[in-house]
């Protein structure tokens, strides 16, 4: 039986802009076979939509607490959401 898919909307707070966080997150997500997007927000945080098998989504959430080497993540806020659209691949958006 195939593993259930999960969709999570995430907000990452801390020193997460100007440290290649989006590129790092895209590469991590692609390596885990996840779909979705990541983008910078005007308030200095980073938002992401992560879609995929529950175990891979859980791994990505763990990794987001660390981020790339130059990042200093202070908080990761995640909420389960219904994926309103069929998203393939993981991309950086504006």
PDB file of N, CA and C in Angstrom:
ATOM      1  N   UNK A   1       0.839  -1.175   0.000  1.00  0.00           N
ATOM      2  CA  UNK A   1       0.000   0.000   0.000  1.00  0.00           C
ATOM      3  C   UNK A   1       0.890   1.248   0.000  1.00  0.00           C
ATOM      4  N   UNK A   2       0.514   2.232  -0.804  1.00  0.00           N
ATOM      5  CA  UNK A   2       1.287   3.463  -0.902  1.00  0.00           C
ATOM      6  C   UNK A   2       1.126   4.283   0.374  1.00  0.00           C
ATOM      7  N   UNK A   3       2.197   4.977   0.744  1.00  0.00           N
ATOM      8  CA  UNK A   3       2.158   5.811   1.934  1.00  0.00           C
ATOM      9  C   UNK A   3       1.266   7.030   1.685  1.00  0.00           C
ATOM     10  N   UNK A   4       0.519   7.435   2.695  1.00  0.00           N
ATOM     11  CA  UNK A   4      -0.369   8.582   2.580  1.00  0.00           C
ATOM     12  C   UNK A   4       0.419   9.852   2.291  1.00  0.00           C
ATOM     13  N   UNK A   5      -0.169  10.711   1.471  1.00  0.00           N
ATOM     14  CA  UNK A   5       0.456  12.003   1.182  1.00  0.00           C
ATOM     15  C   UNK A   5      -0.006  13.033   2.199  1.00  0.00           C
ATOM     16  N   UNK A   6       0.880  13.958   2.468  1.00  0.00           N
ATOM     17  CA  UNK A   6       0.608  15.001   3.441  1.00  0.00           C
ATOM     18  C   UNK A   6       0.960  16.343   2.817  1.00  0.00           C
ATOM     19  N   UNK A   7       0.192  17.375   3.142  1.00  0.00           N
ATOM     20  CA  UNK A   7       0.454  18.736   2.685  1.00  0.00           C
ATOM     21  C   UNK A   7       0.584  19.634   3.906  1.00  0.00           C
ATOM     22  N   UNK A   8       1.683  20.381   3.963  1.00  0.00           N
ATOM     23  CA  UNK A   8       1.956  21.230   5.118  1.00  0.00           C
ATOM     24  C   UNK A   8       2.368  22.621   4.645  1.00  0.00           C
ATOM     25  N   UNK A   9       1.790  23.639   5.250  1.00  0.00           N
ATOM     26  CA  UNK A   9       2.206  25.021   5.012  1.00  0.00           C
ATOM     27  C   UNK A   9       3.128  25.392   6.165  1.00  0.00           C
ATOM     28  N   UNK A  10       4.301  25.951   5.852  1.00  0.00           N
ATOM     29  CA  UNK A  10       5.323  26.200   6.865  1.00  0.00           C
ATOM     30  C   UNK A  10       5.784  27.656   6.807  1.00  0.00           C
ATOM     31  N   UNK A  11       6.035  28.220   7.977  1.00  0.00           N
ATOM     32  CA  UNK A  11       6.657  29.547   8.083  1.00  0.00           C
ATOM     33  C   UNK A  11       7.908  29.374   8.919  1.00  0.00           C
ATOM     34  N   UNK A  12       9.047  29.798   8.354  1.00  0.00           N
ATOM     35  CA  UNK A  12      10.332  29.672   9.026  1.00  0.00           C
ATOM     36  C   UNK A  12      10.778  31.075   9.435  1.00  0.00           C
ATOM     37  N   UNK A  13      11.083  31.247  10.717  1.00  0.00           N
ATOM     38  CA  UNK A  13      11.407  32.556  11.275  1.00  0.00           C
ATOM     39  C   UNK A  13      12.845  32.535  11.811  1.00  0.00           C
ATOM     40  N   UNK A  14      13.522  33.649  11.645  1.00  0.00           N
ATOM     41  CA  UNK A  14      14.893  33.789  12.127  1.00  0.00           C
ATOM     42  C   UNK A  14      15.723  34.486  11.062  1.00  0.00           C
ATOM     43  N   UNK A  15      17.026  34.217  11.059  1.00  0.00           N
ATOM     44  CA  UNK A  15      17.874  34.766   9.990  1.00  0.00           C
ATOM     45  C   UNK A  15      17.818  33.758   8.850  1.00  0.00           C
ATOM     46  N   UNK A  16      16.801  33.928   7.992  1.00  0.00           N
ATOM     47  CA  UNK A  16      16.544  32.959   6.933  1.00  0.00           C
ATOM     48  C   UNK A  16      16.523  33.578   5.543  1.00  0.00           C
ATOM     49  N   UNK A  17      16.726  34.889   5.455  1.00  0.00           N
ATOM     50  CA  UNK A  17      16.850  35.521   4.149  1.00  0.00           C
ATOM     51  C   UNK A  17      18.283  36.007   3.968  1.00  0.00           C
ATOM     52  N   UNK A  18      18.757  35.937   2.736  1.00  0.00           N
ATOM     53  CA  UNK A  18      20.134  36.347   2.459  1.00  0.00           C
ATOM     54  C   UNK A  18      21.157  35.290   2.827  1.00  0.00           C
ATOM     55  N   UNK A  19      20.703  34.058   3.077  1.00  0.00           N
ATOM     56  CA  UNK A  19      21.601  32.971   3.469  1.00  0.00           C
ATOM     57  C   UNK A  19      21.400  31.740   2.575  1.00  0.00           C
ATOM     58  N   UNK A  20      20.807  31.943   1.395  1.00  0.00           N
ATOM     59  CA  UNK A  20      20.524  30.868   0.433  1.00  0.00           C
ATOM     60  C   UNK A  20      19.546  29.822   0.976  1.00  0.00           C
ATOM     61  N   UNK A  21      18.641  30.259   1.851  1.00  0.00           N
ATOM     62  CA  UNK A  21      17.692  29.331   2.460  1.00  0.00           C
ATOM     63  C   UNK A  21      16.782  28.704   1.419  1.00  0.00           C
ATOM     64  N   UNK A  22      16.270  29.512   0.475  1.00  0.00           N
ATOM     65  CA  UNK A  22      15.339  28.978  -0.525  1.00  0.00           C
ATOM     66  C   UNK A  22      16.003  27.944  -1.429  1.00  0.00           C
ATOM     67  N   UNK A  23      17.220  28.216  -1.864  1.00  0.00           N
ATOM     68  CA  UNK A  23      17.939  27.263  -2.716  1.00  0.00           C
ATOM     69  C   UNK A  23      18.210  25.984  -1.944  1.00  0.00           C
ATOM     70  N   UNK A  24      18.642  26.120  -0.707  1.00  0.00           N
ATOM     71  CA  UNK A  24      18.885  24.956   0.136  1.00  0.00           C
ATOM     72  C   UNK A  24      17.608  24.144   0.333  1.00  0.00           C
ATOM     73  N   UNK A  25      16.502  24.836   0.641  1.00  0.00           N
ATOM     74  CA  UNK A  25      15.226  24.148   0.865  1.00  0.00           C
ATOM     75  C   UNK A  25      14.761  23.428  -0.399  1.00  0.00           C
ATOM     76  N   UNK A  26      14.907  24.073  -1.548  1.00  0.00           N
ATOM     77  CA  UNK A  26      14.527  23.419  -2.805  1.00  0.00           C
ATOM     78  C   UNK A  26      15.344  22.156  -3.023  1.00  0.00           C
ATOM     79  N   UNK A  27      16.646  22.249  -2.819  1.00  0.00           N
ATOM     80  CA  UNK A  27      17.516  21.084  -3.028  1.00  0.00           C
ATOM     81  C   UNK A  27      17.180  19.953  -2.057  1.00  0.00           C
ATOM     82  N   UNK A  28      16.927  20.290  -0.792  1.00  0.00           N
ATOM     83  CA  UNK A  28      16.554  19.277   0.203  1.00  0.00           C
ATOM     84  C   UNK A  28      15.231  18.613  -0.184  1.00  0.00           C
ATOM     85  N   UNK A  29      14.253  19.429  -0.556  1.00  0.00           N
ATOM     86  CA  UNK A  29      12.933  18.905  -0.917  1.00  0.00           C
ATOM     87  C   UNK A  29      13.010  18.007  -2.149  1.00  0.00           C
ATOM     88  N   UNK A  30      13.767  18.437  -3.146  1.00  0.00           N
ATOM     89  CA  UNK A  30      13.909  17.618  -4.355  1.00  0.00           C
ATOM     90  C   UNK A  30      14.580  16.296  -4.030  1.00  0.00           C
ATOM     91  N   UNK A  31      15.564  16.317  -3.157  1.00  0.00           N
ATOM     92  CA  UNK A  31      16.248  15.099  -2.762  1.00  0.00           C
ATOM     93  C   UNK A  31      15.335  14.119  -2.034  1.00  0.00           C
ATOM     94  N   UNK A  32      14.309  14.655  -1.378  1.00  0.00           N
ATOM     95  CA  UNK A  32      13.344  13.814  -0.665  1.00  0.00           C
ATOM     96  C   UNK A  32      12.142  13.438  -1.540  1.00  0.00           C
ATOM     97  N   UNK A  33      12.128  13.934  -2.774  1.00  0.00           N
ATOM     98  CA  UNK A  33      11.022  13.629  -3.678  1.00  0.00           C
ATOM     99  C   UNK A  33       9.744  14.384  -3.360  1.00  0.00           C
ATOM    100  N   UNK A  34       9.871  15.553  -2.751  1.00  0.00           N
ATOM    101  CA  UNK A  34       8.707  16.345  -2.362  1.00  0.00           C
ATOM    102  C   UNK A  34       8.300  17.325  -3.451  1.00  0.00           C
ATOM    103  N   UNK A  35       7.054  17.752  -3.402  1.00  0.00           N
ATOM    104  CA  UNK A  35       6.535  18.784  -4.293  1.00  0.00           C
ATOM    105  C   UNK A  35       6.211  20.013  -3.447  1.00  0.00           C
ATOM    106  N   UNK A  36       6.057  21.149  -4.127  1.00  0.00           N
ATOM    107  CA  UNK A  36       5.660  22.368  -3.440  1.00  0.00           C
ATOM    108  C   UNK A  36       6.466  23.566  -3.876  1.00  0.00           C
ATOM    109  N   UNK A  37       6.589  24.534  -2.982  1.00  0.00           N
ATOM    110  CA  UNK A  37       7.312  25.766  -3.277  1.00  0.00           C
ATOM    111  C   UNK A  37       7.880  26.369  -1.992  1.00  0.00           C
ATOM    112  N   UNK A  38       8.798  27.320  -2.177  1.00  0.00           N
ATOM    113  CA  UNK A  38       9.384  28.075  -1.071  1.00  0.00           C
ATOM    114  C   UNK A  38       9.562  29.511  -1.537  1.00  0.00           C
ATOM    115  N   UNK A  39       9.325  30.474  -0.634  1.00  0.00           N
ATOM    116  CA  UNK A  39       9.468  31.889  -1.017  1.00  0.00           C
ATOM    117  C   UNK A  39       9.813  32.746   0.191  1.00  0.00           C
ATOM    118  N   UNK A  40      10.446  33.898  -0.076  1.00  0.00           N
ATOM    119  CA  UNK A  40      10.704  34.901   0.949  1.00  0.00           C
ATOM    120  C   UNK A  40       9.428  35.687   1.197  1.00  0.00           C
ATOM    121  N   UNK A  41       9.244  36.117   2.425  1.00  0.00           N
ATOM    122  CA  UNK A  41       8.114  36.971   2.783  1.00  0.00           C
ATOM    123  C   UNK A  41       8.628  38.357   3.157  1.00  0.00           C
ATOM    124  N   UNK A  42       7.761  39.361   3.044  1.00  0.00           N
ATOM    125  CA  UNK A  42       8.152  40.748   3.311  1.00  0.00           C
ATOM    126  C   UNK A  42       8.604  40.967   4.753  1.00  0.00           C
ATOM    127  N   UNK A  43       8.130  40.140   5.689  1.00  0.00           N
ATOM    128  CA  UNK A  43       8.498  40.320   7.096  1.00  0.00           C
ATOM    129  C   UNK A  43       9.835  39.683   7.463  1.00  0.00           C
ATOM    130  N   UNK A  44      10.544  39.125   6.467  1.00  0.00           N
ATOM    131  CA  UNK A  44      11.852  38.526   6.725  1.00  0.00           C
ATOM    132  C   UNK A  44      11.806  37.024   6.954  1.00  0.00           C
ATOM    133  N   UNK A  45      10.614  36.458   6.998  1.00  0.00           N
ATOM    134  CA  UNK A  45      10.485  35.011   7.162  1.00  0.00           C
ATOM    135  C   UNK A  45      10.506  34.338   5.788  1.00  0.00           C
ATOM    136  N   UNK A  46      10.484  33.024   5.812  1.00  0.00           N
ATOM    137  CA  UNK A  46      10.379  32.221   4.592  1.00  0.00           C
ATOM    138  C   UNK A  46       9.152  31.330   4.752  1.00  0.00           C
ATOM    139  N   UNK A  47       8.354  31.219   3.691  1.00  0.00           N
ATOM    140  CA  UNK A  47       7.188  30.342   3.693  1.00  0.00           C
ATOM    141  C   UNK A  47       7.411  29.221   2.702  1.00  0.00           C
ATOM    142  N   UNK A  48       6.757  28.088   2.976  1.00  0.00           N
ATOM    143  CA  UNK A  48       6.868  26.949   2.068  1.00  0.00           C
ATOM    144  C   UNK A  48       5.586  26.132   2.108  1.00  0.00           C
ATOM    145  N   UNK A  49       5.302  25.483   1.000  1.00  0.00           N
ATOM    146  CA  UNK A  49       4.267  24.466   0.924  1.00  0.00           C
ATOM    147  C   UNK A  49       4.985  23.177   0.588  1.00  0.00           C
ATOM    148  N   UNK A  50       4.809  22.166   1.428  1.00  0.00           N
ATOM    149  CA  UNK A  50       5.519  20.900   1.264  1.00  0.00           C
ATOM    150  C   UNK A  50       4.487  19.795   1.113  1.00  0.00           C
ATOM    151  N   UNK A  51       4.614  19.023   0.024  1.00  0.00           N
ATOM    152  CA  UNK A  51       3.653  17.966  -0.278  1.00  0.00           C
ATOM    153  C   UNK A  51       4.412  16.689  -0.595  1.00  0.00           C
ATOM    154  N   UNK A  52       4.002  15.596   0.035  1.00  0.00           N
ATOM    155  CA  UNK A  52       4.634  14.317  -0.264  1.00  0.00           C
ATOM    156  C   UNK A  52       4.283  13.261   0.754  1.00  0.00           C
ATOM    157  N   UNK A  53       4.968  12.130   0.688  1.00  0.00           N
ATOM    158  CA  UNK A  53       4.739  11.069   1.663  1.00  0.00           C
ATOM    159  C   UNK A  53       5.001  11.573   3.081  1.00  0.00           C
ATOM    160  N   UNK A  54       4.203  11.097   4.034  1.00  0.00           N
ATOM    161  CA  UNK A  54       4.299  11.584   5.412  1.00  0.00           C
ATOM    162  C   UNK A  54       5.716  11.535   5.975  1.00  0.00           C
ATOM    163  N   UNK A  55       6.435  10.446   5.745  1.00  0.00           N
ATOM    164  CA  UNK A  55       7.787  10.314   6.291  1.00  0.00           C
ATOM    165  C   UNK A  55       8.737  11.350   5.694  1.00  0.00           C
ATOM    166  N   UNK A  56       8.627  11.607   4.395  1.00  0.00           N
ATOM    167  CA  UNK A  56       9.491  12.587   3.741  1.00  0.00           C
ATOM    168  C   UNK A  56       9.160  13.998   4.210  1.00  0.00           C
ATOM    169  N   UNK A  57       7.878  14.296   4.393  1.00  0.00           N
ATOM    170  CA  UNK A  57       7.475  15.614   4.900  1.00  0.00           C
ATOM    171  C   UNK A  57       8.023  15.798   6.315  1.00  0.00           C
ATOM    172  N   UNK A  58       7.929  14.776   7.152  1.00  0.00           N
ATOM    173  CA  UNK A  58       8.458  14.853   8.520  1.00  0.00           C
ATOM    174  C   UNK A  58       9.965  15.101   8.514  1.00  0.00           C
ATOM    175  N   UNK A  59      10.684  14.435   7.615  1.00  0.00           N
ATOM    176  CA  UNK A  59      12.130  14.641   7.506  1.00  0.00           C
ATOM    177  C   UNK A  59      12.432  16.075   7.089  1.00  0.00           C
ATOM    178  N   UNK A  60      11.684  16.601   6.127  1.00  0.00           N
ATOM    179  CA  UNK A  60      11.896  17.972   5.670  1.00  0.00           C
ATOM    180  C   UNK A  60      11.633  18.963   6.805  1.00  0.00           C
ATOM    181  N   UNK A  61      10.587  18.734   7.577  1.00  0.00           N
ATOM    182  CA  UNK A  61      10.296  19.631   8.704  1.00  0.00           C
ATOM    183  C   UNK A  61      11.444  19.622   9.713  1.00  0.00           C
ATOM    184  N   UNK A  62      12.024  18.467   9.974  1.00  0.00           N
ATOM    185  CA  UNK A  62      13.181  18.386  10.870  1.00  0.00           C
ATOM    186  C   UNK A  62      14.345  19.197  10.305  1.00  0.00           C
ATOM    187  N   UNK A  63      14.591  19.052   9.014  1.00  0.00           N
ATOM    188  CA  UNK A  63      15.705  19.768   8.380  1.00  0.00           C
ATOM    189  C   UNK A  63      15.490  21.279   8.388  1.00  0.00           C
ATOM    190  N   UNK A  64      14.236  21.719   8.265  1.00  0.00           N
ATOM    191  CA  UNK A  64      13.954  23.153   8.264  1.00  0.00           C
ATOM    192  C   UNK A  64      14.327  23.807   9.592  1.00  0.00           C
ATOM    193  N   UNK A  65      14.330  23.070  10.671  1.00  0.00           N
ATOM    194  CA  UNK A  65      14.733  23.626  11.965  1.00  0.00           C
ATOM    195  C   UNK A  65      16.223  23.974  11.989  1.00  0.00           C
ATOM    196  N   UNK A  66      17.006  23.354  11.115  1.00  0.00           N
ATOM    197  CA  UNK A  66      18.444  23.631  11.041  1.00  0.00           C
ATOM    198  C   UNK A  66      18.746  24.644   9.938  1.00  0.00           C
ATOM    199  N   UNK A  67      18.235  24.385   8.741  1.00  0.00           N
ATOM    200  CA  UNK A  67      18.510  25.259   7.605  1.00  0.00           C
ATOM    201  C   UNK A  67      19.932  25.119   7.119  1.00  0.00           C
ATOM    202  N   UNK A  68      20.315  25.955   6.148  1.00  0.00           N
ATOM    203  CA  UNK A  68      21.689  25.924   5.638  1.00  0.00           C
ATOM    204  C   UNK A  68      22.653  26.490   6.688  1.00  0.00           C
ATOM    205  N   UNK A  69      23.952  26.302   6.490  1.00  0.00           N
ATOM    206  CA  UNK A  69      24.938  26.694   7.508  1.00  0.00           C
ATOM    207  C   UNK A  69      24.841  28.142   8.005  1.00  0.00           C
ATOM    208  N   UNK A  70      24.563  29.109   7.131  1.00  0.00           N
ATOM    209  CA  UNK A  70      24.544  30.515   7.554  1.00  0.00           C
ATOM    210  C   UNK A  70      23.224  30.931   8.198  1.00  0.00           C
ATOM    211  N   UNK A  71      22.215  30.107   8.130  1.00  0.00           N
ATOM    212  CA  UNK A  71      20.903  30.444   8.698  1.00  0.00           C
ATOM    213  C   UNK A  71      20.897  30.266  10.207  1.00  0.00           C
ATOM    214  N   UNK A  72      20.024  31.000  10.858  1.00  0.00           N
ATOM    215  CA  UNK A  72      19.784  30.854  12.291  1.00  0.00           C
ATOM    216  C   UNK A  72      18.267  30.791  12.454  1.00  0.00           C
ATOM    217  N   UNK A  73      17.736  29.593  12.471  1.00  0.00           N
ATOM    218  CA  UNK A  73      16.293  29.398  12.565  1.00  0.00           C
ATOM    219  C   UNK A  73      15.876  29.501  14.027  1.00  0.00           C
ATOM    220  N   UNK A  74      14.922  30.391  14.312  1.00  0.00           N
ATOM    221  CA  UNK A  74      14.424  30.525  15.681  1.00  0.00           C
ATOM    222  C   UNK A  74      13.085  29.828  15.866  1.00  0.00           C
ATOM    223  N   UNK A  75      12.314  29.670  14.773  1.00  0.00           N
ATOM    224  CA  UNK A  75      11.008  29.042  14.901  1.00  0.00           C
ATOM    225  C   UNK A  75      10.548  28.492  13.564  1.00  0.00           C
ATOM    226  N   UNK A  76       9.898  27.335  13.609  1.00  0.00           N
ATOM    227  CA  UNK A  76       9.258  26.743  12.445  1.00  0.00           C
ATOM    228  C   UNK A  76       7.805  26.477  12.828  1.00  0.00           C
ATOM    229  N   UNK A  77       6.886  27.109  12.125  1.00  0.00           N
ATOM    230  CA  UNK A  77       5.464  26.951  12.394  1.00  0.00           C
ATOM    231  C   UNK A  77       4.859  26.198  11.218  1.00  0.00           C
ATOM    232  N   UNK A  78       4.291  25.029  11.494  1.00  0.00           N
ATOM    233  CA  UNK A  78       3.732  24.199  10.426  1.00  0.00           C
ATOM    234  C   UNK A  78       2.266  23.906  10.698  1.00  0.00           C
ATOM    235  N   UNK A  79       1.475  23.918   9.640  1.00  0.00           N
ATOM    236  CA  UNK A  79       0.075  23.539   9.770  1.00  0.00           C
ATOM    237  C   UNK A  79      -0.310  22.668   8.588  1.00  0.00           C
ATOM    238  N   UNK A  80      -1.073  21.631   8.883  1.00  0.00           N
ATOM    239  CA  UNK A  80      -1.569  20.760   7.826  1.00  0.00           C
ATOM    240  C   UNK A  80      -2.592  21.512   7.004  1.00  0.00           C
ATOM    241  N   UNK A  81      -2.508  21.372   5.683  1.00  0.00           N
ATOM    242  CA  UNK A  81      -3.450  22.032   4.779  1.00  0.00           C
ATOM    243  C   UNK A  81      -3.889  21.044   3.707  1.00  0.00           C
ATOM    244  N   UNK A  82      -4.969  21.377   3.053  1.00  0.00           N
ATOM    245  CA  UNK A  82      -5.395  20.623   1.888  1.00  0.00           C
ATOM    246  C   UNK A  82      -4.707  21.254   0.679  1.00  0.00           C
ATOM    247  N   UNK A  83      -4.036  20.462  -0.110  1.00  0.00           N
ATOM    248  CA  UNK A  83      -3.390  20.987  -1.320  1.00  0.00           C
ATOM    249  C   UNK A  83      -4.494  21.276  -2.335  1.00  0.00           C
ATOM    250  N   UNK A  84      -4.711  22.545  -2.634  1.00  0.00           N
ATOM    251  CA  UNK A  84      -5.807  22.952  -3.504  1.00  0.00           C
ATOM    252  C   UNK A  84      -5.519  22.692  -4.974  1.00  0.00           C
ATOM    253  N   UNK A  85      -4.267  22.501  -5.291  1.00  0.00           N
ATOM    254  CA  UNK A  85      -3.900  22.300  -6.691  1.00  0.00           C
ATOM    255  C   UNK A  85      -2.929  21.135  -6.818  1.00  0.00           C
ATOM    256  N   UNK A  86      -2.862  20.603  -8.010  1.00  0.00           N
ATOM    257  CA  UNK A  86      -1.940  19.503  -8.269  1.00  0.00           C
ATOM    258  C   UNK A  86      -0.570  20.097  -8.583  1.00  0.00           C
ATOM    259  N   UNK A  87       0.332  20.029  -7.656  1.00  0.00           N
ATOM    260  CA  UNK A  87       1.663  20.615  -7.809  1.00  0.00           C
ATOM    261  C   UNK A  87       2.676  19.513  -8.053  1.00  0.00           C
ATOM    262  N   UNK A  88       3.467  19.680  -9.084  1.00  0.00           N
ATOM    263  CA  UNK A  88       4.533  18.733  -9.394  1.00  0.00           C
ATOM    264  C   UNK A  88       5.871  19.448  -9.264  1.00  0.00           C
ATOM    265  N   UNK A  89       6.848  18.788  -8.675  1.00  0.00           N
ATOM    266  CA  UNK A  89       8.168  19.387  -8.507  1.00  0.00           C
ATOM    267  C   UNK A  89       8.179  20.376  -7.350  1.00  0.00           C
ATOM    268  N   UNK A  90       9.355  20.862  -7.043  1.00  0.00           N
ATOM    269  CA  UNK A  90       9.523  21.821  -5.959  1.00  0.00           C
ATOM    270  C   UNK A  90      10.258  23.029  -6.511  1.00  0.00           C
ATOM    271  N   UNK A  91       9.684  24.222  -6.334  1.00  0.00           N
ATOM    272  CA  UNK A  91      10.280  25.400  -6.960  1.00  0.00           C
ATOM    273  C   UNK A  91      10.370  26.581  -5.993  1.00  0.00           C
ATOM    274  N   UNK A  92      11.207  27.522  -6.351  1.00  0.00           N
ATOM    275  CA  UNK A  92      11.334  28.784  -5.627  1.00  0.00           C
ATOM    276  C   UNK A  92      10.381  29.760  -6.301  1.00  0.00           C
ATOM    277  N   UNK A  93       9.536  30.420  -5.512  1.00  0.00           N
ATOM    278  CA  UNK A  93       8.626  31.431  -6.065  1.00  0.00           C
ATOM    279  C   UNK A  93       8.948  32.770  -5.449  1.00  0.00           C
ATOM    280  N   UNK A  94       8.323  33.784  -5.940  1.00  0.00           N
ATOM    281  CA  UNK A  94       8.557  35.145  -5.424  1.00  0.00           C
ATOM    282  C   UNK A  94       7.549  35.529  -4.407  1.00  0.00           C
TER     283      UNK A  94
END
